[in-house]
């Protein structure tokens, strides 16, 4: 439980795609059918300085959470990538959208780094990458330096774990020499989101926040900020970030910890999305402080079953969005319909 909670707080925290004129689905475009127009060398500035890529990488590796999904979405099979350590239903280390895309691309035996307790530098080196992508990660300076001895590394631009899904796509795509393809992937994904959200008019304009409540200790709780992909995605779906919570954000971080005594900051929130189980709502409503928050008292809580693929997709990328958006929107819409 403690390990799962720590993971949720820190890291649970995505097809060349093209938008078809007569089809709203996201479809893969073969990367071999067009010449890449990136100009080399490519210089990418980031939190640890800058990385120079002298020629188009042929062997792409990724570490940390979901960067491999961006590579797969662009039609490329990574030579190695980190195992998913949350939301998986077997010992494969693959979330279902990852497994499906690998199968579509003809990869039956991917190289998966078992690095949930620390980066497996030996395995990464053995996969002989030309570039290592880590746009969405929390790698340290020391880890960056070690990885850089293996291949050029593309980490986050400024802050650990604060890379919205669009920037994850664009930064990783740039590191692959596929910047234009990355832009098309973003546009196609935005189109899908807009079309799906329009099917659920009840959520539009609702003030919503994604949080994490540990029902064993409700003296404090966590709310993901608009800088976090979970918070940003709610805005993508047409909802608004509550002003009361915005006022509590004082630094560039993917979450804030809120003391229960400041629960009145939640009073203008229409609904919450949170990880949990069948007992979560009852526990929140029974709490003498949080139970008085209007949205909680009214039961306007979307509980995403903990450690499931849908929970893992709360932090979105193009593959997970396509795979789960209908289920996610239905759950939110069912709650939003009850808001007066």
Protein backbone atom coordinates (compact mmCIF):
# COMPACT_ATOMS: atom_id res chain seq x y z
CA UNK A 1 0.00 0.00 0.00
CA UNK A 2 2.77 2.42 0.93
CA UNK A 3 4.63 1.72 -2.32
CA UNK A 4 1.44 2.12 -4.34
CA UNK A 5 0.63 5.41 -2.62
CA UNK A 6 4.13 6.75 -3.25
CA UNK A 7 3.87 5.76 -6.90
CA UNK A 8 0.54 7.52 -7.33
CA UNK A 9 2.00 10.72 -5.87
CA UNK A 10 5.22 10.64 -7.86
CA UNK A 11 4.94 8.77 -11.09
CA UNK A 12 1.62 7.26 -12.24
CA UNK A 13 1.60 9.90 -13.65
CA UNK A 14 2.12 8.81 -23.58
CA UNK A 15 1.06 6.19 -34.03
CA UNK A 16 2.63 8.33 -36.84
CA UNK A 17 -1.03 9.62 -36.61
CA UNK A 18 -2.97 11.63 -39.11
CA UNK A 19 -6.47 13.00 -38.83
CA UNK A 20 -8.53 11.47 -41.63
CA UNK A 21 -10.95 13.78 -43.38
CA UNK A 22 -13.84 11.33 -43.06
CA UNK A 23 -12.80 9.35 -39.94
CA UNK A 24 -12.35 10.64 -36.41
CA UNK A 25 -10.15 7.76 -35.32
CA UNK A 26 -6.40 8.04 -34.99
CA UNK A 27 -4.55 6.08 -37.64
CA UNK A 28 -0.92 5.15 -38.04
CA UNK A 29 1.05 6.53 -40.96
CA UNK A 30 4.14 4.60 -41.93
CA UNK A 31 7.25 6.59 -41.13
CA UNK A 32 9.06 5.01 -44.05
CA UNK A 33 6.74 6.56 -46.63
CA UNK A 34 8.06 10.07 -46.25
CA UNK A 35 11.42 11.68 -45.87
CA UNK A 36 12.11 13.29 -42.54
CA UNK A 37 12.77 16.97 -42.95
CA UNK A 38 14.54 17.60 -39.64
CA UNK A 39 17.80 19.47 -40.00
CA UNK A 40 20.82 18.09 -38.16
CA UNK A 41 22.37 18.56 -35.78
CA UNK A 42 19.30 18.95 -33.55
CA UNK A 43 19.96 20.79 -30.27
CA UNK A 44 17.43 20.29 -27.48
CA UNK A 45 17.56 22.47 -24.37
CA UNK A 46 16.39 20.92 -21.11
CA UNK A 47 16.70 20.93 -17.33
CA UNK A 48 20.28 19.64 -17.37
CA UNK A 49 21.61 21.80 -20.20
CA UNK A 50 21.31 20.76 -23.80
CA UNK A 51 21.57 17.63 -25.91
CA UNK A 52 22.88 17.51 -29.47
CA UNK A 53 21.69 14.82 -31.86
CA UNK A 54 23.91 14.65 -34.91
CA UNK A 55 21.82 12.35 -37.10
CA UNK A 56 18.42 10.70 -37.13
CA UNK A 57 18.35 8.01 -34.44
CA UNK A 58 17.61 4.51 -35.70
CA UNK A 59 17.51 2.82 -32.28
CA UNK A 60 15.28 4.61 -29.77
CA UNK A 61 15.14 3.69 -26.08
CA UNK A 62 12.94 5.24 -23.40
CA UNK A 63 12.92 5.28 -19.61
CA UNK A 64 10.38 6.21 -16.94
CA UNK A 65 6.64 6.49 -17.48
CA UNK A 66 4.96 6.22 -20.90
CA UNK A 67 7.60 7.82 -23.12
CA UNK A 68 7.61 4.55 -25.07
CA UNK A 69 3.91 5.08 -25.85
CA UNK A 70 4.82 8.25 -27.74
CA UNK A 71 7.44 6.36 -29.73
CA UNK A 72 4.96 3.58 -30.52
CA UNK A 73 2.29 6.13 -31.45
CA UNK A 74 4.75 7.49 -34.00
CA UNK A 75 5.05 4.03 -35.53
CA UNK A 76 8.44 3.11 -34.08
CA UNK A 77 9.20 0.15 -31.82
CA UNK A 78 11.68 1.14 -29.09
CA UNK A 79 14.76 -1.05 -28.67
CA UNK A 80 13.96 -0.98 -24.95
CA UNK A 81 11.66 0.77 -22.50
CA UNK A 82 10.77 0.82 -18.81
CA UNK A 83 8.19 -1.60 -17.48
CA UNK A 84 4.91 -0.11 -16.31
CA UNK A 85 4.68 -0.55 -12.55
CA UNK A 86 1.11 0.60 -12.00
CA UNK A 87 -2.17 -0.52 -13.51
CA UNK A 88 -0.84 -3.69 -15.11
CA UNK A 89 -2.84 -6.90 -14.81
CA UNK A 90 -0.02 -9.42 -15.36
CA UNK A 91 3.77 -9.67 -15.16
CA UNK A 92 4.41 -8.35 -18.67
CA UNK A 93 5.10 -4.77 -17.62
CA UNK A 94 2.80 -3.67 -20.44
CA UNK A 95 -0.41 -1.69 -20.18
CA UNK A 96 -3.07 -2.86 -22.64
CA UNK A 97 -2.72 0.02 -25.11
CA UNK A 98 1.04 -0.58 -25.23
CA UNK A 99 0.55 -4.30 -25.80
CA UNK A 100 -1.99 -3.65 -28.55
CA UNK A 101 0.28 -1.21 -30.38
CA UNK A 102 3.28 -3.54 -30.14
CA UNK A 103 1.18 -6.29 -31.68
CA UNK A 104 -0.02 -3.95 -34.42
CA UNK A 105 3.59 -3.07 -35.24
CA UNK A 106 4.58 -6.73 -35.30
CA UNK A 107 6.72 -6.80 -32.15
CA UNK A 108 6.16 -9.99 -30.16
CA UNK A 109 9.17 -9.87 -27.83
CA UNK A 110 9.91 -6.29 -26.74
CA UNK A 111 12.87 -5.46 -24.52
CA UNK A 112 11.39 -4.21 -21.25
CA UNK A 113 13.67 -2.73 -18.60
CA UNK A 114 12.80 -3.94 -15.11
CA UNK A 115 13.83 -0.69 -13.49
CA UNK A 116 11.05 0.17 -11.06
CA UNK A 117 13.56 0.16 -8.20
CA UNK A 118 16.12 2.19 -10.12
CA UNK A 119 17.26 2.52 -13.71
CA UNK A 120 18.87 -0.63 -15.09
CA UNK A 121 21.81 1.05 -16.79
CA UNK A 122 23.31 -2.28 -17.89
CA UNK A 123 20.11 -3.34 -19.68
CA UNK A 124 19.77 0.08 -21.27
CA UNK A 125 23.36 -0.06 -22.53
CA UNK A 126 22.86 -3.61 -23.80
CA UNK A 127 19.99 -2.41 -26.01
CA UNK A 128 22.51 -0.16 -27.81
CA UNK A 129 20.30 2.92 -28.31
CA UNK A 130 21.10 5.93 -30.47
CA UNK A 131 18.97 8.15 -28.22
CA UNK A 132 17.28 7.78 -24.82
CA UNK A 133 13.97 9.59 -24.33
CA UNK A 134 12.81 10.69 -20.89
CA UNK A 135 10.64 13.74 -21.52
CA UNK A 136 8.18 12.59 -18.86
CA UNK A 137 10.32 11.46 -15.96
CA UNK A 138 11.96 12.41 -12.73
CA UNK A 139 15.52 11.44 -13.58
CA UNK A 140 18.22 13.14 -11.55
CA UNK A 141 21.38 14.89 -12.68
CA UNK A 142 23.38 11.80 -11.72
CA UNK A 143 21.08 9.52 -13.72
CA UNK A 144 21.19 11.89 -16.67
CA UNK A 145 24.98 11.91 -16.60
CA UNK A 146 25.15 8.12 -16.49
CA UNK A 147 22.61 7.70 -19.29
CA UNK A 148 24.49 10.26 -21.37
CA UNK A 149 27.50 7.94 -21.37
CA UNK A 150 25.30 5.43 -23.23
CA UNK A 151 23.58 7.74 -25.73
CA UNK A 152 22.23 11.31 -26.05
CA UNK A 153 19.39 11.85 -23.57
CA UNK A 154 16.23 13.95 -23.96
CA UNK A 155 14.84 14.65 -20.47
CA UNK A 156 12.18 17.08 -19.23
CA UNK A 157 12.55 20.77 -20.02
CA UNK A 158 12.32 22.23 -16.51
CA UNK A 159 10.63 20.32 -13.70
CA UNK A 160 10.46 16.58 -12.89
CA UNK A 161 7.10 15.00 -13.69
CA UNK A 162 5.70 18.26 -15.06
CA UNK A 163 5.44 17.62 -18.79
CA UNK A 164 1.92 17.87 -20.25
CA UNK A 165 1.02 15.22 -22.80
CA UNK A 166 1.44 17.58 -25.77
CA UNK A 167 4.96 18.46 -24.65
CA UNK A 168 5.73 14.79 -24.04
CA UNK A 169 4.87 14.13 -27.68
CA UNK A 170 6.69 17.14 -29.11
CA UNK A 171 9.86 16.76 -27.05
CA UNK A 172 10.19 13.03 -27.61
CA UNK A 173 9.35 13.40 -31.31
CA UNK A 174 12.03 16.07 -31.68
CA UNK A 175 14.54 13.71 -30.10
CA UNK A 176 13.58 11.12 -32.72
CA UNK A 177 14.00 13.57 -35.59
CA UNK A 178 10.23 13.43 -36.13
CA UNK A 179 9.10 16.88 -35.02
CA UNK A 180 6.56 17.35 -37.80
CA UNK A 181 5.09 13.90 -37.20
CA UNK A 182 4.83 14.81 -33.53
CA UNK A 183 2.83 17.91 -34.36
CA UNK A 184 0.44 15.84 -36.48
CA UNK A 185 0.05 13.35 -33.64
CA UNK A 186 -0.86 16.16 -31.25
CA UNK A 187 -3.39 17.59 -33.72
CA UNK A 188 -5.01 14.20 -34.35
CA UNK A 189 -5.25 13.50 -30.62
CA UNK A 190 -6.74 16.94 -29.95
CA UNK A 191 -9.35 16.25 -32.63
CA UNK A 192 -10.27 12.93 -31.02
CA UNK A 193 -10.58 14.52 -27.57
CA UNK A 194 -12.79 17.33 -28.87
CA UNK A 195 -15.09 14.95 -30.74
CA UNK A 196 -15.47 12.62 -27.78
CA UNK A 197 -15.99 15.45 -25.29
CA UNK A 198 -18.74 16.93 -27.48
CA UNK A 199 -20.68 13.71 -26.96
CA UNK A 200 -20.89 14.50 -23.22
CA UNK A 201 -22.26 18.03 -22.96
CA UNK A 202 -23.00 17.69 -19.22
CA UNK A 203 -19.31 18.01 -18.33
CA UNK A 204 -18.68 21.25 -20.22
CA UNK A 205 -17.78 24.14 -17.92
CA UNK A 206 -17.88 22.06 -14.75
CA UNK A 207 -15.20 22.95 -12.21
CA UNK A 208 -13.25 19.75 -11.70
CA UNK A 209 -10.06 18.63 -9.97
CA UNK A 210 -8.12 15.37 -9.89
CA UNK A 211 -7.08 14.41 -6.37
CA UNK A 212 -5.72 11.58 -4.27
CA UNK A 213 -7.25 10.87 -0.87
CA UNK A 214 -5.78 8.29 1.48
CA UNK A 215 -8.88 7.26 3.41
CA UNK A 216 -6.70 5.83 6.20
CA UNK A 217 -5.52 9.36 6.97
CA UNK A 218 -7.62 12.29 5.79
CA UNK A 219 -5.75 14.92 7.77
CA UNK A 220 -4.30 15.96 4.41
CA UNK A 221 -4.76 15.04 0.77
CA UNK A 222 -3.26 15.73 -2.65
CA UNK A 223 -4.60 17.68 -5.62
CA UNK A 224 -2.88 17.59 -9.02
CA UNK A 225 -2.17 21.03 -10.46
CA UNK A 226 -2.93 22.28 -13.99
CA UNK A 227 0.75 21.67 -14.76
CA UNK A 228 0.22 17.94 -14.24
CA UNK A 229 -1.12 15.96 -17.22
CA UNK A 230 -4.09 14.81 -15.13
CA UNK A 231 -5.12 18.36 -14.33
CA UNK A 232 -4.46 19.58 -17.85
CA UNK A 233 -6.51 16.79 -19.41
CA UNK A 234 -9.64 17.86 -17.53
CA UNK A 235 -9.32 21.22 -19.26
CA UNK A 236 -8.88 19.45 -22.60
CA UNK A 237 -12.24 17.78 -21.94
CA UNK A 238 -13.95 21.16 -21.51
CA UNK A 239 -13.92 21.46 -17.73
CA UNK A 240 -12.46 24.29 -15.66
CA UNK A 241 -9.86 24.25 -12.91
CA UNK A 242 -11.39 25.59 -9.64
CA UNK A 243 -10.23 29.02 -8.50
CA UNK A 244 -10.23 28.00 -4.84
CA UNK A 245 -7.59 25.36 -5.49
CA UNK A 246 -5.61 27.60 -7.85
CA UNK A 247 -5.06 30.02 -4.96
CA UNK A 248 -3.26 27.29 -3.01
CA UNK A 249 -0.67 26.70 -5.74
CA UNK A 250 2.51 28.56 -4.85
CA UNK A 251 5.20 26.75 -6.87
CA UNK A 252 5.79 24.87 -10.08
CA UNK A 253 4.86 21.34 -9.09
CA UNK A 254 2.59 18.59 -10.35
CA UNK A 255 0.66 18.40 -7.08
CA UNK A 256 -0.11 20.26 -3.90
CA UNK A 257 -0.63 18.78 -0.45
CA UNK A 258 -3.62 20.34 1.29
CA UNK A 259 -4.34 20.17 4.98
CA UNK A 260 -7.91 19.19 5.88
CA UNK A 261 -8.24 22.46 7.77
CA UNK A 262 -8.03 24.20 4.37
CA UNK A 263 -10.82 22.09 2.92
CA UNK A 264 -12.97 25.18 2.35
CA UNK A 265 -10.72 25.87 -0.67
CA UNK A 266 -12.62 23.00 -2.31
CA UNK A 267 -16.03 24.61 -1.94
CA UNK A 268 -16.22 25.91 -5.51
CA UNK A 269 -15.27 22.53 -7.02
CA UNK A 270 -18.20 20.84 -8.75
CA UNK A 271 -16.68 17.37 -8.91
CA UNK A 272 -13.55 15.43 -8.05
CA UNK A 273 -11.82 12.55 -9.79
CA UNK A 274 -9.79 10.36 -7.47
CA UNK A 275 -8.16 6.97 -7.21
CA UNK A 276 -9.85 4.61 -4.79
CA UNK A 277 -12.30 1.74 -4.38
CA UNK A 278 -15.94 1.07 -3.54
CA UNK A 279 -15.45 2.44 0.00
CA UNK A 280 -13.78 5.74 -0.94
CA UNK A 281 -16.86 7.94 -1.28
CA UNK A 282 -18.42 6.71 1.96
CA UNK A 283 -15.14 7.34 3.82
CA UNK A 284 -14.91 10.89 2.47
CA UNK A 285 -18.52 11.65 3.33
CA UNK A 286 -18.07 10.28 6.85
CA UNK A 287 -15.10 12.52 7.57
CA UNK A 288 -16.15 15.41 9.84
CA UNK A 289 -14.29 17.99 7.75
CA UNK A 290 -14.17 16.73 4.16
CA UNK A 291 -17.73 15.47 4.45
CA UNK A 292 -18.85 19.11 4.57
CA UNK A 293 -17.30 19.97 1.20
CA UNK A 294 -20.32 20.48 -1.10
CA UNK A 295 -19.12 18.21 -3.91
CA UNK A 296 -18.25 15.42 -1.48
CA UNK A 297 -21.47 15.77 0.49
CA UNK A 298 -23.45 15.55 -2.76
CA UNK A 299 -21.52 12.48 -3.90
CA UNK A 300 -20.04 14.21 -6.92
CA UNK A 301 -16.95 12.01 -6.88
CA UNK A 302 -15.61 9.97 -9.79
CA UNK A 303 -13.71 7.08 -8.22
CA UNK A 304 -11.23 5.39 -10.53
CA UNK A 305 -10.45 1.90 -9.24
CA UNK A 306 -6.89 1.96 -7.96
CA UNK A 307 -4.14 0.09 -9.81
CA UNK A 308 -6.20 -0.53 -12.95
CA UNK A 309 -5.45 0.44 -16.56
CA UNK A 310 -7.99 3.27 -16.34
CA UNK A 311 -6.21 4.60 -13.25
CA UNK A 312 -2.91 4.48 -15.11
CA UNK A 313 -4.53 6.32 -18.02
CA UNK A 314 -5.47 9.20 -15.71
CA UNK A 315 -2.10 10.56 -16.72
CA UNK A 316 -2.71 10.54 -20.47
CA UNK A 317 -0.78 10.01 -23.66
CA UNK A 318 -2.09 9.50 -27.21
CA UNK A 319 -2.33 5.71 -26.93
CA UNK A 320 -3.98 5.66 -23.50
CA UNK A 321 -6.37 8.45 -24.50
CA UNK A 322 -7.62 6.53 -27.50
CA UNK A 323 -7.95 3.34 -25.45
CA UNK A 324 -9.80 4.75 -22.42
CA UNK A 325 -11.47 8.04 -23.33
CA UNK A 326 -14.97 6.59 -23.77
CA UNK A 327 -14.90 4.88 -20.37
CA UNK A 328 -13.38 7.92 -18.66
CA UNK A 329 -15.88 10.37 -20.14
CA UNK A 330 -18.82 8.12 -19.30
CA UNK A 331 -17.80 7.96 -15.62
CA UNK A 332 -17.37 11.75 -15.41
CA UNK A 333 -20.56 12.45 -17.33
CA UNK A 334 -22.62 10.17 -15.08
CA UNK A 335 -21.55 12.30 -12.09
CA UNK A 336 -21.79 15.65 -13.89
CA UNK A 337 -25.41 15.00 -14.83
CA UNK A 338 -26.33 15.11 -11.13
CA UNK A 339 -24.78 18.51 -10.48
CA UNK A 340 -27.43 21.18 -9.99
